[in-house]
Amino acid sequence: MKALLTEQVLDDYLRQRLWPRDIVSELDLSVRDDRAGQVRVRHPFRHRGKQVGWQARAVESHVEPRWLSSSGPMRCPYEADRLEWAHEAGWVIMTEGVSDATTVISAFEKVPVVGVPGAGSFKAEWVRAFTGLSAFVVGDNDTSGVNFRSAVESLLSSVARVTHVMVPEAFSDVTEWQVQLGDPNVFAERFNEACGRAVDSSRG
């Protein structure tokens, strides 16, 4: 794909989600054609600095499936290396999906957040990496989100303190929350407030 077209695709992809341009280099996003010739933006899954898998989002809204994944099981959560920061901070944010993790990353500096691509994707062999952390779990506003929160809590509750952060009912997920607010700074404030309310609720 020509470099100019690649840049146009990335610019549109970022603009639609209110993500900053520097997120491309931070997360190593790239543009690829799939086997059907559909243009997709690829999000690599990295572990210890090396790519171990990927998910790719279709650029055109009508294309199904919206996401494609590399072959074989995912070997780690999205942005798994941020768990090092999590253990320094004592907490981690876990989102349902790659896009929502990217939205949180784009809104905060050096934030310990990982993404899990779907309710059934969190694996038991990942649990040990979360030992001793406070895990803020953020699912979508649908049945999948309910299943995601339940699955994560059932696996993590023995090793981590799990707190559920709820996306406001007006939005389907974290990324739509930011887009509809129209301002990443406002989103960051609201997300912080939601985390605070979740902590207060868990104490009560």
C-alpha atoms as a PDB file:
ATOM      1  CA  MET A   1       0.000   0.000   0.000  1.00  0.00           C
ATOM      2  CA  LYS A   2       1.323   3.423  -0.929  1.00  0.00           C
ATOM      3  CA  ALA A   3       2.714   5.492   1.924  1.00  0.00           C
ATOM      4  CA  LEU A   4       0.360   8.426   1.283  1.00  0.00           C
ATOM      5  CA  LEU A   5      -2.726   6.201   1.376  1.00  0.00           C
ATOM      6  CA  THR A   6      -1.459   4.524   4.548  1.00  0.00           C
ATOM      7  CA  GLU A   7      -1.123   7.890   6.256  1.00  0.00           C
ATOM      8  CA  GLN A   8      -4.621   8.899   5.125  1.00  0.00           C
ATOM      9  CA  VAL A   9      -6.095   5.674   6.484  1.00  0.00           C
ATOM     10  CA  LEU A  10      -4.350   6.137   9.829  1.00  0.00           C
ATOM     11  CA  ASP A  11      -5.354   9.801  10.048  1.00  0.00           C
ATOM     12  CA  ASP A  12      -9.022   8.912   9.477  1.00  0.00           C
ATOM     13  CA  TYR A  13      -8.858   6.012  11.926  1.00  0.00           C
ATOM     14  CA  LEU A  14      -7.386   8.222  14.639  1.00  0.00           C
ATOM     15  CA  ARG A  15      -9.688  11.167  13.983  1.00  0.00           C
ATOM     16  CA  GLN A  16     -12.821   9.029  14.273  1.00  0.00           C
ATOM     17  CA  ARG A  17     -11.701   7.846  17.707  1.00  0.00           C
ATOM     18  CA  LEU A  18     -10.100  11.090  18.942  1.00  0.00           C
ATOM     19  CA  TRP A  19      -6.743   9.360  19.351  1.00  0.00           C
ATOM     20  CA  PRO A  20      -3.542  11.459  19.033  1.00  0.00           C
ATOM     21  CA  ARG A  21      -1.125  10.900  16.154  1.00  0.00           C
ATOM     22  CA  ASP A  22       1.682   9.731  18.433  1.00  0.00           C
ATOM     23  CA  ILE A  23      -0.348   6.664  19.400  1.00  0.00           C
ATOM     24  CA  VAL A  24       0.680   5.164  16.028  1.00  0.00           C
ATOM     25  CA  SER A  25       4.332   4.929  17.013  1.00  0.00           C
ATOM     26  CA  GLU A  26       3.614   4.158  20.667  1.00  0.00           C
ATOM     27  CA  LEU A  27       1.511   1.103  19.787  1.00  0.00           C
ATOM     28  CA  ASP A  28       3.163   0.327  16.433  1.00  0.00           C
ATOM     29  CA  LEU A  29      -0.108   0.545  14.484  1.00  0.00           C
ATOM     30  CA  SER A  30       0.050  -0.306  10.786  1.00  0.00           C
ATOM     31  CA  VAL A  31      -2.247  -0.565   7.759  1.00  0.00           C
ATOM     32  CA  ARG A  32      -2.662  -3.878   5.940  1.00  0.00           C
ATOM     33  CA  ASP A  33      -4.962  -5.412   3.329  1.00  0.00           C
ATOM     34  CA  ASP A  34      -6.595  -8.664   4.417  1.00  0.00           C
ATOM     35  CA  ARG A  35      -7.024 -11.678   2.120  1.00  0.00           C
ATOM     36  CA  ALA A  36     -10.301 -10.263   0.819  1.00  0.00           C
ATOM     37  CA  GLY A  37      -8.605  -6.990  -0.077  1.00  0.00           C
ATOM     38  CA  GLN A  38     -10.214  -5.045   2.767  1.00  0.00           C
ATOM     39  CA  VAL A  39      -8.105  -2.350   4.383  1.00  0.00           C
ATOM     40  CA  ARG A  40      -7.478  -2.856   8.106  1.00  0.00           C
ATOM     41  CA  VAL A  41      -5.510  -1.177  10.874  1.00  0.00           C
ATOM     42  CA  ARG A  42      -3.415  -3.726  12.729  1.00  0.00           C
ATOM     43  CA  HIS A  43      -2.808  -3.562  16.477  1.00  0.00           C
ATOM     44  CA  PRO A  44       0.132  -5.822  17.423  1.00  0.00           C
ATOM     45  CA  PHE A  45       0.128  -7.818  20.652  1.00  0.00           C
ATOM     46  CA  ARG A  46       3.606  -7.555  22.143  1.00  0.00           C
ATOM     47  CA  HIS A  47       5.312  -9.439  24.941  1.00  0.00           C
ATOM     48  CA  ARG A  48       8.756  -8.447  26.174  1.00  0.00           C
ATOM     49  CA  GLY A  49       9.015  -6.106  23.237  1.00  0.00           C
ATOM     50  CA  LYS A  50       8.330  -8.724  20.569  1.00  0.00           C
ATOM     51  CA  GLN A  51       5.172  -9.125  18.506  1.00  0.00           C
ATOM     52  CA  VAL A  52       3.400 -12.371  19.408  1.00  0.00           C
ATOM     53  CA  GLY A  53       0.068 -11.782  17.676  1.00  0.00           C
ATOM     54  CA  TRP A  54      -2.263  -9.108  16.350  1.00  0.00           C
ATOM     55  CA  GLN A  55      -5.803  -7.955  15.827  1.00  0.00           C
ATOM     56  CA  ALA A  56      -6.810  -5.871  12.816  1.00  0.00           C
ATOM     57  CA  ARG A  57      -9.857  -3.582  12.583  1.00  0.00           C
ATOM     58  CA  ALA A  58     -11.625  -3.078   9.260  1.00  0.00           C
ATOM     59  CA  VAL A  59     -11.583   0.538   8.135  1.00  0.00           C
ATOM     60  CA  GLU A  60     -14.958   0.375   6.386  1.00  0.00           C
ATOM     61  CA  SER A  61     -17.864   0.087   8.831  1.00  0.00           C
ATOM     62  CA  HIS A  62     -19.823  -2.423   6.701  1.00  0.00           C
ATOM     63  CA  VAL A  63     -17.047  -5.039   6.609  1.00  0.00           C
ATOM     64  CA  GLU A  64     -17.618  -8.193   8.655  1.00  0.00           C
ATOM     65  CA  PRO A  65     -16.002  -9.440  10.719  1.00  0.00           C
ATOM     66  CA  ARG A  66     -14.908  -6.069  12.024  1.00  0.00           C
ATOM     67  CA  TRP A  67     -11.863  -7.631  13.688  1.00  0.00           C
ATOM     68  CA  LEU A  68      -9.512 -10.311  12.447  1.00  0.00           C
ATOM     69  CA  SER A  69      -6.900 -12.003  14.614  1.00  0.00           C
ATOM     70  CA  SER A  70      -3.607 -13.740  14.016  1.00  0.00           C
ATOM     71  CA  SER A  71      -3.765 -17.533  13.920  1.00  0.00           C
ATOM     72  CA  GLY A  72      -3.589 -19.538  17.127  1.00  0.00           C
ATOM     73  CA  PRO A  73      -4.469 -18.484  20.678  1.00  0.00           C
ATOM     74  CA  MET A  74      -3.479 -15.087  21.995  1.00  0.00           C
ATOM     75  CA  ARG A  75      -0.340 -15.497  24.093  1.00  0.00           C
ATOM     76  CA  CYS A  76      -0.879 -12.418  26.258  1.00  0.00           C
ATOM     77  CA  PRO A  77      -3.252  -9.507  26.808  1.00  0.00           C
ATOM     78  CA  TYR A  78      -2.947  -6.471  24.563  1.00  0.00           C
ATOM     79  CA  GLU A  79      -0.070  -4.256  25.784  1.00  0.00           C
ATOM     80  CA  ALA A  80       1.000  -6.926  28.286  1.00  0.00           C
ATOM     81  CA  ASP A  81       4.343  -5.223  28.908  1.00  0.00           C
ATOM     82  CA  ARG A  82       2.475  -2.451  30.739  1.00  0.00           C
ATOM     83  CA  LEU A  83       2.011  -4.919  33.581  1.00  0.00           C
ATOM     84  CA  GLU A  84       5.514  -3.904  34.675  1.00  0.00           C
ATOM     85  CA  TRP A  85       4.157  -0.397  35.262  1.00  0.00           C
ATOM     86  CA  ALA A  86       1.141  -1.944  36.977  1.00  0.00           C
ATOM     87  CA  HIS A  87       3.306  -3.648  39.578  1.00  0.00           C
ATOM     88  CA  GLU A  88       5.143  -0.386  40.195  1.00  0.00           C
ATOM     89  CA  ALA A  89       1.824   1.426  40.677  1.00  0.00           C
ATOM     90  CA  GLY A  90      -0.046  -1.400  42.419  1.00  0.00           C
ATOM     91  CA  TRP A  91      -3.009  -1.263  40.029  1.00  0.00           C
ATOM     92  CA  VAL A  92      -4.017  -2.020  36.457  1.00  0.00           C
ATOM     93  CA  ILE A  93      -6.918  -1.147  34.181  1.00  0.00           C
ATOM     94  CA  MET A  94      -8.282  -4.034  32.141  1.00  0.00           C
ATOM     95  CA  THR A  95     -10.584  -3.250  29.213  1.00  0.00           C
ATOM     96  CA  GLU A  96     -12.718  -5.462  27.041  1.00  0.00           C
ATOM     97  CA  GLY A  97     -11.030  -5.110  23.695  1.00  0.00           C
ATOM     98  CA  VAL A  98      -8.116  -3.493  21.944  1.00  0.00           C
ATOM     99  CA  SER A  99      -9.834  -0.229  20.993  1.00  0.00           C
ATOM    100  CA  ASP A 100     -10.873   0.575  24.546  1.00  0.00           C
ATOM    101  CA  ALA A 101      -7.378  -0.089  25.848  1.00  0.00           C
ATOM    102  CA  THR A 102      -6.031   2.252  23.159  1.00  0.00           C
ATOM    103  CA  THR A 103      -8.511   4.953  24.178  1.00  0.00           C
ATOM    104  CA  VAL A 104      -7.355   4.808  27.800  1.00  0.00           C
ATOM    105  CA  ILE A 105      -3.710   4.795  26.715  1.00  0.00           C
ATOM    106  CA  SER A 106      -4.330   7.840  24.531  1.00  0.00           C
ATOM    107  CA  ALA A 107      -6.006   9.754  27.360  1.00  0.00           C
ATOM    108  CA  PHE A 108      -3.375   9.212  30.059  1.00  0.00           C
ATOM    109  CA  GLU A 109       0.407   9.241  30.179  1.00  0.00           C
ATOM    110  CA  LYS A 110       2.177   5.947  30.901  1.00  0.00           C
ATOM    111  CA  VAL A 111      -0.991   4.299  32.193  1.00  0.00           C
ATOM    112  CA  PRO A 112      -0.921   0.599  33.227  1.00  0.00           C
ATOM    113  CA  VAL A 113      -3.725  -0.768  31.059  1.00  0.00           C
ATOM    114  CA  VAL A 114      -4.147  -4.022  29.175  1.00  0.00           C
ATOM    115  CA  GLY A 115      -6.869  -5.126  26.769  1.00  0.00           C
ATOM    116  CA  VAL A 116      -8.551  -8.513  26.600  1.00  0.00           C
ATOM    117  CA  PRO A 117     -10.221  -9.257  23.242  1.00  0.00           C
ATOM    118  CA  GLY A 118     -13.531 -10.708  24.382  1.00  0.00           C
ATOM    119  CA  ALA A 119     -15.296 -12.353  27.288  1.00  0.00           C
ATOM    120  CA  GLY A 120     -13.746 -15.784  26.775  1.00  0.00           C
ATOM    121  CA  SER A 121     -10.246 -14.595  25.938  1.00  0.00           C
ATOM    122  CA  PHE A 122      -8.782 -14.124  29.408  1.00  0.00           C
ATOM    123  CA  LYS A 123      -6.731 -17.224  30.125  1.00  0.00           C
ATOM    124  CA  ALA A 124      -6.005 -18.916  33.429  1.00  0.00           C
ATOM    125  CA  GLU A 125      -2.275 -18.932  32.676  1.00  0.00           C
ATOM    126  CA  TRP A 126      -2.308 -15.106  32.684  1.00  0.00           C
ATOM    127  CA  VAL A 127      -3.635 -14.875  36.235  1.00  0.00           C
ATOM    128  CA  ARG A 128      -0.280 -14.999  38.038  1.00  0.00           C
ATOM    129  CA  ALA A 129       0.848 -11.809  36.276  1.00  0.00           C
ATOM    130  CA  PHE A 130      -1.896  -9.900  38.128  1.00  0.00           C
ATOM    131  CA  THR A 131      -1.029 -11.136  41.627  1.00  0.00           C
ATOM    132  CA  GLY A 132      -1.277  -8.438  44.270  1.00  0.00           C
ATOM    133  CA  LEU A 133      -2.761  -5.784  41.985  1.00  0.00           C
ATOM    134  CA  SER A 134      -5.937  -3.761  42.233  1.00  0.00           C
ATOM    135  CA  ALA A 135      -7.611  -4.523  38.908  1.00  0.00           C
ATOM    136  CA  PHE A 136     -10.082  -1.995  37.496  1.00  0.00           C
ATOM    137  CA  VAL A 137     -12.161  -4.015  35.033  1.00  0.00           C
ATOM    138  CA  VAL A 138     -14.086  -2.145  32.328  1.00  0.00           C
ATOM    139  CA  GLY A 139     -16.522  -4.070  30.134  1.00  0.00           C
ATOM    140  CA  ASP A 140     -18.870  -3.003  27.352  1.00  0.00           C
ATOM    141  CA  ASN A 141     -22.522  -2.159  27.967  1.00  0.00           C
ATOM    142  CA  ASP A 142     -23.932  -5.400  26.587  1.00  0.00           C
ATOM    143  CA  THR A 143     -24.219  -9.090  27.396  1.00  0.00           C
ATOM    144  CA  SER A 144     -20.634  -9.630  26.306  1.00  0.00           C
ATOM    145  CA  GLY A 145     -19.543  -7.001  28.818  1.00  0.00           C
ATOM    146  CA  VAL A 146     -21.413  -8.750  31.628  1.00  0.00           C
ATOM    147  CA  ASN A 147     -19.785 -12.045  30.683  1.00  0.00           C
ATOM    148  CA  PHE A 148     -16.377 -10.397  30.429  1.00  0.00           C
ATOM    149  CA  ARG A 149     -16.589  -8.869  33.908  1.00  0.00           C
ATOM    150  CA  SER A 150     -17.802 -12.151  35.379  1.00  0.00           C
ATOM    151  CA  ALA A 151     -15.099 -14.223  33.679  1.00  0.00           C
ATOM    152  CA  VAL A 152     -12.287 -11.898  34.722  1.00  0.00           C
ATOM    153  CA  GLU A 153     -13.483 -11.681  38.317  1.00  0.00           C
ATOM    154  CA  SER A 154     -13.815 -15.450  38.641  1.00  0.00           C
ATOM    155  CA  LEU A 155     -10.205 -15.882  37.528  1.00  0.00           C
ATOM    156  CA  LEU A 156      -8.588 -12.926  39.271  1.00  0.00           C
ATOM    157  CA  SER A 157     -10.433 -12.720  42.595  1.00  0.00           C
ATOM    158  CA  SER A 158      -8.057 -15.159  44.270  1.00  0.00           C
ATOM    159  CA  VAL A 159      -4.940 -13.107  43.467  1.00  0.00           C
ATOM    160  CA  ALA A 160      -6.112  -9.515  42.937  1.00  0.00           C
ATOM    161  CA  ARG A 161      -8.640  -6.999  44.196  1.00  0.00           C
ATOM    162  CA  VAL A 162     -11.200  -6.627  41.394  1.00  0.00           C
ATOM    163  CA  THR A 163     -13.177  -3.399  41.012  1.00  0.00           C
ATOM    164  CA  HIS A 164     -15.689  -2.970  38.209  1.00  0.00           C
ATOM    165  CA  VAL A 165     -15.735   0.420  36.478  1.00  0.00           C
ATOM    166  CA  MET A 166     -19.018   0.993  34.687  1.00  0.00           C
ATOM    167  CA  VAL A 167     -19.287   2.793  31.361  1.00  0.00           C
ATOM    168  CA  PRO A 168     -22.259   5.214  31.505  1.00  0.00           C
ATOM    169  CA  GLU A 169     -25.427   3.699  30.047  1.00  0.00           C
ATOM    170  CA  ALA A 170     -25.495   6.276  27.235  1.00  0.00           C
ATOM    171  CA  PHE A 171     -22.380   4.733  25.670  1.00  0.00           C
ATOM    172  CA  SER A 172     -21.720   1.235  24.370  1.00  0.00           C
ATOM    173  CA  ASP A 173     -18.060   1.129  25.380  1.00  0.00           C
ATOM    174  CA  VAL A 174     -15.060   3.201  26.455  1.00  0.00           C
ATOM    175  CA  THR A 175     -14.187   4.416  22.973  1.00  0.00           C
ATOM    176  CA  GLU A 176     -17.719   5.581  22.215  1.00  0.00           C
ATOM    177  CA  TRP A 177     -17.711   7.316  25.604  1.00  0.00           C
ATOM    178  CA  GLN A 178     -14.734   9.435  24.529  1.00  0.00           C
ATOM    179  CA  VAL A 179     -16.046  10.049  21.010  1.00  0.00           C
ATOM    180  CA  GLN A 180     -19.463  11.175  22.181  1.00  0.00           C
ATOM    181  CA  LEU A 181     -17.980  13.501  24.783  1.00  0.00           C
ATOM    182  CA  GLY A 182     -15.899  14.976  21.981  1.00  0.00           C
ATOM    183  CA  ASP A 183     -12.896  15.863  24.133  1.00  0.00           C
ATOM    184  CA  PRO A 184     -10.209  13.451  25.405  1.00  0.00           C
ATOM    185  CA  ASN A 185      -9.495  15.716  28.385  1.00  0.00           C
ATOM    186  CA  VAL A 186     -13.136  15.640  29.461  1.00  0.00           C
ATOM    187  CA  PHE A 187     -13.182  11.884  28.934  1.00  0.00           C
ATOM    188  CA  ALA A 188     -10.095  11.504  31.136  1.00  0.00           C
ATOM    189  CA  GLU A 189     -11.803  13.462  33.915  1.00  0.00           C
ATOM    190  CA  ARG A 190     -14.996  11.405  33.650  1.00  0.00           C
ATOM    191  CA  PHE A 191     -13.074   8.137  33.541  1.00  0.00           C
ATOM    192  CA  ASN A 192     -11.131   9.102  36.658  1.00  0.00           C
ATOM    193  CA  GLU A 193     -14.384   9.971  38.391  1.00  0.00           C
ATOM    194  CA  ALA A 194     -15.893   6.612  37.403  1.00  0.00           C
ATOM    195  CA  CYS A 195     -12.889   4.797  38.862  1.00  0.00           C
ATOM    196  CA  GLY A 196     -13.252   6.778  42.075  1.00  0.00           C
ATOM    197  CA  ARG A 197     -16.947   5.938  42.333  1.00  0.00           C
ATOM    198  CA  ALA A 198     -16.169   2.264  41.731  1.00  0.00           C
ATOM    199  CA  VAL A 199     -13.648   2.258  44.583  1.00  0.00           C
ATOM    200  CA  ASP A 200     -16.091   3.998  46.922  1.00  0.00           C
ATOM    201  CA  SER A 201     -18.820   1.539  45.980  1.00  0.00           C
ATOM    202  CA  SER A 202     -16.606  -1.478  46.600  1.00  0.00           C
ATOM    203  CA  ARG A 203     -15.732  -0.147  50.049  1.00  0.00           C
ATOM    204  CA  GLY A 204     -19.375   0.391  50.874  1.00  0.00           C
END
